[in-house]
Amino acid sequence: MAAARAATATVTHYKAAGYRYHTLMNVSSKPERTRLSAEDWELAAMQLIADQGVGAVAVEALARQLGVTKGSFYWHFRTREALLNATLERWEQHGEREIFSQIELIADPRERLPELFRRVAHELQSHRVYAALLKALDHPQVVPVMARVSQRRMDFLTTAYREAGLPPPQALNRARLTYAAYVGFLQLNFTLGLPRINHEEFDAYVEHMIATLIPA
């Protein structure tokens, strides 16, 4: 019976704000390197960043969380820095692929902007990672990623406002105001724990932002 238990693989699947995680436990029937993919390590690192910040990402902590030894890690990544780079790239690409590339397909900019606001508002996991990265702007691997992400979002907003009818200078300023409101809300919420609002109140806030910032 002990041998049977040792040969049994238990895989727990769970979802958190669109990201997929796998926790493998008590698996001995396959070489460890075949059980966890690079994606598993990246998603686990992303969750750790969201929960505890960039500084918490460590090979030993992730191995314990995933129920494996460090050997599985080194099959995919040479260093912790390599894992962090891959994780930040995955987070960046998620925003590009799942949000902006789809929003760009909406032809009418007056429909595009409200949809952007509503879609972004409910990307909780991405918000938590962003808030954690805001606290790590002195980290050399974080700075270029945040610079690219911020510029991409500013460019997207400026273009959308301009296509919605605002003159170029006003479109740029409205984009700045919108992005500042987004970053400020994350800082208040995840750093200071304010404002303390429920789901309905948050949805009402998002609709207020749409009515205030998007041209009629």
C-alpha atoms as a PDB file:
ATOM      1  CA  MET A   1       0.000   0.000   0.000  1.00  0.00           C
ATOM      2  CA  ALA A   2       2.879   2.366   0.747  1.00  0.00           C
ATOM      3  CA  ALA A   3       4.287   1.709  -2.702  1.00  0.00           C
ATOM      4  CA  ALA A   4       0.916   2.444  -4.239  1.00  0.00           C
ATOM      5  CA  ARG A   5       0.704   5.718  -2.376  1.00  0.00           C
ATOM      6  CA  ALA A   6       4.217   6.637  -3.494  1.00  0.00           C
ATOM      7  CA  ALA A   7       3.246   6.062  -7.099  1.00  0.00           C
ATOM      8  CA  THR A   8       0.095   8.161  -6.879  1.00  0.00           C
ATOM      9  CA  ALA A   9       0.160  11.684  -8.338  1.00  0.00           C
ATOM     10  CA  THR A  10      -2.239  14.226  -6.995  1.00  0.00           C
ATOM     11  CA  VAL A  11      -2.619  17.341  -9.070  1.00  0.00           C
ATOM     12  CA  THR A  12      -4.616  20.254  -7.689  1.00  0.00           C
ATOM     13  CA  HIS A  13      -5.838  22.784 -10.213  1.00  0.00           C
ATOM     14  CA  TYR A  14      -7.122  26.167  -9.188  1.00  0.00           C
ATOM     15  CA  LYS A  15      -7.683  29.571 -10.766  1.00  0.00           C
ATOM     16  CA  ALA A  16      -6.957  33.083  -9.512  1.00  0.00           C
ATOM     17  CA  ALA A  17      -8.079  36.067 -11.622  1.00  0.00           C
ATOM     18  CA  GLY A  18      -7.417  34.355 -14.929  1.00  0.00           C
ATOM     19  CA  TYR A  19      -4.110  32.715 -14.046  1.00  0.00           C
ATOM     20  CA  ARG A  20      -3.732  28.915 -13.864  1.00  0.00           C
ATOM     21  CA  TYR A  21      -1.738  27.200 -11.176  1.00  0.00           C
ATOM     22  CA  HIS A  22      -0.818  23.575 -10.611  1.00  0.00           C
ATOM     23  CA  THR A  23       0.307  22.092  -7.318  1.00  0.00           C
ATOM     24  CA  LEU A  24       1.765  18.615  -7.637  1.00  0.00           C
ATOM     25  CA  MET A  25       2.125  16.514  -4.495  1.00  0.00           C
ATOM     26  CA  ASN A  26       3.572  13.084  -3.714  1.00  0.00           C
ATOM     27  CA  VAL A  27       4.576  12.366  -7.286  1.00  0.00           C
ATOM     28  CA  SER A  28       7.332   9.808  -7.747  1.00  0.00           C
ATOM     29  CA  SER A  29       6.398   8.011 -10.929  1.00  0.00           C
ATOM     30  CA  LYS A  30       8.039  10.539 -13.301  1.00  0.00           C
ATOM     31  CA  PRO A  31      11.292  12.507 -13.311  1.00  0.00           C
ATOM     32  CA  GLU A  32      10.666  15.810 -11.536  1.00  0.00           C
ATOM     33  CA  ARG A  33      11.643  17.913 -14.522  1.00  0.00           C
ATOM     34  CA  THR A  34       8.684  16.506 -16.492  1.00  0.00           C
ATOM     35  CA  ARG A  35       6.115  17.358 -13.832  1.00  0.00           C
ATOM     36  CA  LEU A  36       6.455  21.126 -13.616  1.00  0.00           C
ATOM     37  CA  SER A  37       6.748  23.409 -16.620  1.00  0.00           C
ATOM     38  CA  ALA A  38       8.411  26.799 -16.799  1.00  0.00           C
ATOM     39  CA  GLU A  39       4.886  28.227 -16.868  1.00  0.00           C
ATOM     40  CA  ASP A  40       4.118  26.628 -13.485  1.00  0.00           C
ATOM     41  CA  TRP A  41       7.134  28.328 -11.919  1.00  0.00           C
ATOM     42  CA  GLU A  42       6.321  31.670 -13.548  1.00  0.00           C
ATOM     43  CA  LEU A  43       2.696  31.632 -12.400  1.00  0.00           C
ATOM     44  CA  ALA A  44       3.682  30.647  -8.881  1.00  0.00           C
ATOM     45  CA  ALA A  45       6.236  33.476  -8.837  1.00  0.00           C
ATOM     46  CA  MET A  46       3.579  35.887 -10.086  1.00  0.00           C
ATOM     47  CA  GLN A  47       1.280  34.876  -7.248  1.00  0.00           C
ATOM     48  CA  LEU A  48       4.117  35.388  -4.764  1.00  0.00           C
ATOM     49  CA  ILE A  49       4.781  38.867  -6.163  1.00  0.00           C
ATOM     50  CA  ALA A  50       1.092  39.723  -5.827  1.00  0.00           C
ATOM     51  CA  ASP A  51       0.970  38.427  -2.251  1.00  0.00           C
ATOM     52  CA  GLN A  52       4.335  39.486  -0.833  1.00  0.00           C
ATOM     53  CA  GLY A  53       6.229  41.588  -3.363  1.00  0.00           C
ATOM     54  CA  VAL A  54       9.200  41.136  -5.675  1.00  0.00           C
ATOM     55  CA  GLY A  55      11.647  40.539  -2.838  1.00  0.00           C
ATOM     56  CA  ALA A  56       9.736  37.446  -1.738  1.00  0.00           C
ATOM     57  CA  VAL A  57      10.492  35.545  -4.942  1.00  0.00           C
ATOM     58  CA  ALA A  58      12.972  32.847  -3.934  1.00  0.00           C
ATOM     59  CA  VAL A  59      13.672  29.421  -5.371  1.00  0.00           C
ATOM     60  CA  GLU A  60      13.403  27.652  -2.017  1.00  0.00           C
ATOM     61  CA  ALA A  61      10.060  29.261  -1.138  1.00  0.00           C
ATOM     62  CA  LEU A  62       8.581  28.460  -4.542  1.00  0.00           C
ATOM     63  CA  ALA A  63       9.821  24.865  -4.424  1.00  0.00           C
ATOM     64  CA  ARG A  64       8.138  24.374  -1.049  1.00  0.00           C
ATOM     65  CA  GLN A  65       4.938  25.942  -2.333  1.00  0.00           C
ATOM     66  CA  LEU A  66       4.910  23.713  -5.396  1.00  0.00           C
ATOM     67  CA  GLY A  67       5.877  20.588  -3.440  1.00  0.00           C
ATOM     68  CA  VAL A  68       9.085  19.843  -5.352  1.00  0.00           C
ATOM     69  CA  THR A  69      12.823  20.149  -4.920  1.00  0.00           C
ATOM     70  CA  LYS A  70      14.969  22.896  -6.437  1.00  0.00           C
ATOM     71  CA  GLY A  71      16.079  20.492  -9.162  1.00  0.00           C
ATOM     72  CA  SER A  72      12.832  21.108 -11.019  1.00  0.00           C
ATOM     73  CA  PHE A  73      13.556  24.839 -11.035  1.00  0.00           C
ATOM     74  CA  TYR A  74      17.039  24.515 -12.485  1.00  0.00           C
ATOM     75  CA  TRP A  75      15.736  22.375 -15.324  1.00  0.00           C
ATOM     76  CA  HIS A  76      13.940  25.496 -16.620  1.00  0.00           C
ATOM     77  CA  PHE A  77      15.878  28.490 -15.245  1.00  0.00           C
ATOM     78  CA  ARG A  78      19.527  29.107 -14.538  1.00  0.00           C
ATOM     79  CA  THR A  79      18.950  31.748 -11.869  1.00  0.00           C
ATOM     80  CA  ARG A  80      16.285  33.491  -9.801  1.00  0.00           C
ATOM     81  CA  GLU A  81      16.816  36.550 -12.010  1.00  0.00           C
ATOM     82  CA  ALA A  82      15.929  34.498 -15.095  1.00  0.00           C
ATOM     83  CA  LEU A  83      12.694  33.392 -13.457  1.00  0.00           C
ATOM     84  CA  LEU A  84      11.852  36.966 -12.454  1.00  0.00           C
ATOM     85  CA  ASN A  85      12.449  38.191 -16.003  1.00  0.00           C
ATOM     86  CA  ALA A  86      10.185  35.475 -17.419  1.00  0.00           C
ATOM     87  CA  THR A  87       7.493  36.188 -14.830  1.00  0.00           C
ATOM     88  CA  LEU A  88       7.475  39.920 -15.517  1.00  0.00           C
ATOM     89  CA  GLU A  89       7.350  39.252 -19.240  1.00  0.00           C
ATOM     90  CA  ARG A  90       4.370  36.924 -18.759  1.00  0.00           C
ATOM     91  CA  TRP A  91       2.541  39.601 -16.742  1.00  0.00           C
ATOM     92  CA  GLU A  92       3.307  42.224 -19.377  1.00  0.00           C
ATOM     93  CA  GLN A  93       2.146  40.002 -22.226  1.00  0.00           C
ATOM     94  CA  HIS A  94      -1.071  39.132 -20.399  1.00  0.00           C
ATOM     95  CA  GLY A  95      -2.089  42.785 -20.504  1.00  0.00           C
ATOM     96  CA  GLU A  96      -1.177  43.077 -24.163  1.00  0.00           C
ATOM     97  CA  ARG A  97      -2.881  39.854 -25.228  1.00  0.00           C
ATOM     98  CA  GLU A  98      -5.932  39.674 -22.988  1.00  0.00           C
ATOM     99  CA  ILE A  99      -6.866  43.347 -22.766  1.00  0.00           C
ATOM    100  CA  PHE A 100      -5.368  45.811 -25.221  1.00  0.00           C
ATOM    101  CA  SER A 101      -5.218  43.605 -28.304  1.00  0.00           C
ATOM    102  CA  GLN A 102      -8.908  42.740 -27.875  1.00  0.00           C
ATOM    103  CA  ILE A 103     -10.005  46.280 -27.066  1.00  0.00           C
ATOM    104  CA  GLU A 104      -8.247  47.526 -30.210  1.00  0.00           C
ATOM    105  CA  LEU A 105     -10.669  45.419 -32.279  1.00  0.00           C
ATOM    106  CA  ILE A 106     -13.560  47.695 -31.239  1.00  0.00           C
ATOM    107  CA  ALA A 107     -13.912  50.154 -34.107  1.00  0.00           C
ATOM    108  CA  ASP A 108     -15.850  52.928 -32.336  1.00  0.00           C
ATOM    109  CA  PRO A 109     -13.534  54.730 -29.872  1.00  0.00           C
ATOM    110  CA  ARG A 110     -16.535  55.872 -27.840  1.00  0.00           C
ATOM    111  CA  GLU A 111     -17.292  52.209 -27.232  1.00  0.00           C
ATOM    112  CA  ARG A 112     -13.630  51.241 -26.928  1.00  0.00           C
ATOM    113  CA  LEU A 113     -12.877  53.480 -23.963  1.00  0.00           C
ATOM    114  CA  PRO A 114     -15.781  52.356 -21.707  1.00  0.00           C
ATOM    115  CA  GLU A 115     -14.990  48.734 -22.483  1.00  0.00           C
ATOM    116  CA  LEU A 116     -11.338  49.346 -21.600  1.00  0.00           C
ATOM    117  CA  PHE A 117     -12.300  50.890 -18.263  1.00  0.00           C
ATOM    118  CA  ARG A 118     -14.620  48.006 -17.381  1.00  0.00           C
ATOM    119  CA  ARG A 119     -12.223  45.274 -18.487  1.00  0.00           C
ATOM    120  CA  VAL A 120      -9.237  46.746 -16.673  1.00  0.00           C
ATOM    121  CA  ALA A 121     -11.272  47.363 -13.525  1.00  0.00           C
ATOM    122  CA  HIS A 122     -11.825  43.643 -12.965  1.00  0.00           C
ATOM    123  CA  GLU A 123      -8.269  42.425 -13.614  1.00  0.00           C
ATOM    124  CA  LEU A 124      -7.674  41.965  -9.880  1.00  0.00           C
ATOM    125  CA  GLN A 125      -4.610  39.742 -10.114  1.00  0.00           C
ATOM    126  CA  SER A 126      -2.928  42.071 -12.587  1.00  0.00           C
ATOM    127  CA  HIS A 127      -3.704  45.032 -10.302  1.00  0.00           C
ATOM    128  CA  ARG A 128      -2.099  43.298  -7.337  1.00  0.00           C
ATOM    129  CA  VAL A 129       1.055  42.569  -9.338  1.00  0.00           C
ATOM    130  CA  TYR A 130       1.147  46.169 -10.615  1.00  0.00           C
ATOM    131  CA  ALA A 131       0.793  47.532  -7.080  1.00  0.00           C
ATOM    132  CA  ALA A 132       3.634  45.286  -5.907  1.00  0.00           C
ATOM    133  CA  LEU A 133       5.834  46.468  -8.782  1.00  0.00           C
ATOM    134  CA  LEU A 134       5.129  50.097  -7.860  1.00  0.00           C
ATOM    135  CA  LYS A 135       6.849  49.353  -4.561  1.00  0.00           C
ATOM    136  CA  ALA A 136       9.897  47.957  -6.375  1.00  0.00           C
ATOM    137  CA  LEU A 137      10.758  50.764  -8.786  1.00  0.00           C
ATOM    138  CA  ASP A 138      14.340  50.706  -7.523  1.00  0.00           C
ATOM    139  CA  HIS A 139      14.724  47.128  -8.794  1.00  0.00           C
ATOM    140  CA  PRO A 140      16.731  46.974 -12.063  1.00  0.00           C
ATOM    141  CA  GLN A 141      14.531  44.253 -13.556  1.00  0.00           C
ATOM    142  CA  VAL A 142      11.295  45.982 -12.680  1.00  0.00           C
ATOM    143  CA  VAL A 143      12.072  49.477 -14.004  1.00  0.00           C
ATOM    144  CA  PRO A 144      12.210  48.692 -17.766  1.00  0.00           C
ATOM    145  CA  VAL A 145       9.064  46.572 -17.603  1.00  0.00           C
ATOM    146  CA  MET A 146       7.080  49.272 -15.819  1.00  0.00           C
ATOM    147  CA  ALA A 147       8.399  51.889 -18.242  1.00  0.00           C
ATOM    148  CA  ARG A 148       7.245  49.850 -21.253  1.00  0.00           C
ATOM    149  CA  VAL A 149       3.866  49.054 -19.731  1.00  0.00           C
ATOM    150  CA  SER A 150       3.198  52.657 -18.728  1.00  0.00           C
ATOM    151  CA  GLN A 151       4.219  54.047 -22.125  1.00  0.00           C
ATOM    152  CA  ARG A 152       2.109  51.484 -23.946  1.00  0.00           C
ATOM    153  CA  ARG A 153      -0.940  52.340 -21.848  1.00  0.00           C
ATOM    154  CA  MET A 154      -0.411  56.062 -22.204  1.00  0.00           C
ATOM    155  CA  ASP A 155      -0.093  55.717 -25.984  1.00  0.00           C
ATOM    156  CA  PHE A 156      -3.244  53.597 -26.140  1.00  0.00           C
ATOM    157  CA  LEU A 157      -5.252  56.079 -24.065  1.00  0.00           C
ATOM    158  CA  THR A 158      -3.966  59.109 -25.974  1.00  0.00           C
ATOM    159  CA  THR A 159      -4.885  57.558 -29.312  1.00  0.00           C
ATOM    160  CA  ALA A 160      -8.317  56.496 -28.060  1.00  0.00           C
ATOM    161  CA  TYR A 161      -9.102  59.964 -26.702  1.00  0.00           C
ATOM    162  CA  ARG A 162      -7.904  61.598 -29.888  1.00  0.00           C
ATOM    163  CA  GLU A 163     -10.063  59.278 -31.997  1.00  0.00           C
ATOM    164  CA  ALA A 164     -12.989  60.056 -29.676  1.00  0.00           C
ATOM    165  CA  GLY A 165     -12.767  63.672 -30.770  1.00  0.00           C
ATOM    166  CA  LEU A 166     -10.368  65.429 -28.399  1.00  0.00           C
ATOM    167  CA  PRO A 167      -7.624  67.645 -29.915  1.00  0.00           C
ATOM    168  CA  PRO A 168      -4.129  66.135 -29.505  1.00  0.00           C
ATOM    169  CA  PRO A 169      -3.039  68.272 -26.501  1.00  0.00           C
ATOM    170  CA  GLN A 170      -6.306  67.560 -24.669  1.00  0.00           C
ATOM    171  CA  ALA A 171      -6.152  63.876 -25.569  1.00  0.00           C
ATOM    172  CA  LEU A 172      -2.675  63.628 -24.043  1.00  0.00           C
ATOM    173  CA  ASN A 173      -3.715  65.434 -20.873  1.00  0.00           C
ATOM    174  CA  ARG A 174      -6.853  63.312 -20.529  1.00  0.00           C
ATOM    175  CA  ALA A 175      -4.709  60.197 -20.928  1.00  0.00           C
ATOM    176  CA  ARG A 176      -2.376  61.456 -18.189  1.00  0.00           C
ATOM    177  CA  LEU A 177      -5.327  62.137 -15.895  1.00  0.00           C
ATOM    178  CA  THR A 178      -6.821  58.706 -16.558  1.00  0.00           C
ATOM    179  CA  TYR A 179      -3.594  56.856 -15.955  1.00  0.00           C
ATOM    180  CA  ALA A 180      -2.848  58.904 -12.830  1.00  0.00           C
ATOM    181  CA  ALA A 181      -6.305  58.020 -11.491  1.00  0.00           C
ATOM    182  CA  TYR A 182      -5.629  54.327 -12.133  1.00  0.00           C
ATOM    183  CA  VAL A 183      -2.225  54.309 -10.422  1.00  0.00           C
ATOM    184  CA  GLY A 184      -3.499  56.448  -7.565  1.00  0.00           C
ATOM    185  CA  PHE A 185      -6.414  54.128  -6.895  1.00  0.00           C
ATOM    186  CA  LEU A 186      -4.051  51.138  -6.758  1.00  0.00           C
ATOM    187  CA  GLN A 187      -1.803  52.971  -4.310  1.00  0.00           C
ATOM    188  CA  LEU A 188      -4.728  53.881  -2.081  1.00  0.00           C
ATOM    189  CA  ASN A 189      -6.237  50.429  -2.236  1.00  0.00           C
ATOM    190  CA  PHE A 190      -3.237  48.106  -1.976  1.00  0.00           C
ATOM    191  CA  THR A 191      -0.836  50.307  -0.011  1.00  0.00           C
ATOM    192  CA  LEU A 192      -3.134  52.165   2.369  1.00  0.00           C
ATOM    193  CA  GLY A 193      -6.137  49.854   2.293  1.00  0.00           C
ATOM    194  CA  LEU A 194      -8.406  52.665   1.127  1.00  0.00           C
ATOM    195  CA  PRO A 195     -11.067  53.103   0.010  1.00  0.00           C
ATOM    196  CA  ARG A 196     -12.863  50.204   1.688  1.00  0.00           C
ATOM    197  CA  ILE A 197     -15.693  49.619  -0.754  1.00  0.00           C
ATOM    198  CA  ASN A 198     -17.763  46.604  -1.684  1.00  0.00           C
ATOM    199  CA  HIS A 199     -18.297  45.172  -5.156  1.00  0.00           C
ATOM    200  CA  GLU A 200     -21.352  47.303  -5.937  1.00  0.00           C
ATOM    201  CA  GLU A 201     -19.637  50.485  -4.762  1.00  0.00           C
ATOM    202  CA  PHE A 202     -16.586  49.696  -6.871  1.00  0.00           C
ATOM    203  CA  ASP A 203     -18.704  49.151  -9.982  1.00  0.00           C
ATOM    204  CA  ALA A 204     -20.422  52.474  -9.305  1.00  0.00           C
ATOM    205  CA  TYR A 205     -16.999  54.127  -9.011  1.00  0.00           C
ATOM    206  CA  VAL A 206     -15.930  52.673 -12.381  1.00  0.00           C
ATOM    207  CA  GLU A 207     -19.104  54.007 -14.026  1.00  0.00           C
ATOM    208  CA  HIS A 208     -18.421  57.414 -12.442  1.00  0.00           C
ATOM    209  CA  MET A 209     -14.922  57.361 -13.940  1.00  0.00           C
ATOM    210  CA  ILE A 210     -16.375  56.550 -17.353  1.00  0.00           C
ATOM    211  CA  ALA A 211     -18.890  59.393 -17.130  1.00  0.00           C
ATOM    212  CA  THR A 212     -16.242  61.836 -15.908  1.00  0.00           C
ATOM    213  CA  LEU A 213     -13.275  61.022 -18.150  1.00  0.00           C
ATOM    214  CA  ILE A 214     -14.741  59.864 -21.449  1.00  0.00           C
ATOM    215  CA  PRO A 215     -16.027  62.552 -23.834  1.00  0.00           C
ATOM    216  CA  ALA A 216     -19.817  62.549 -24.269  1.00  0.00           C
END
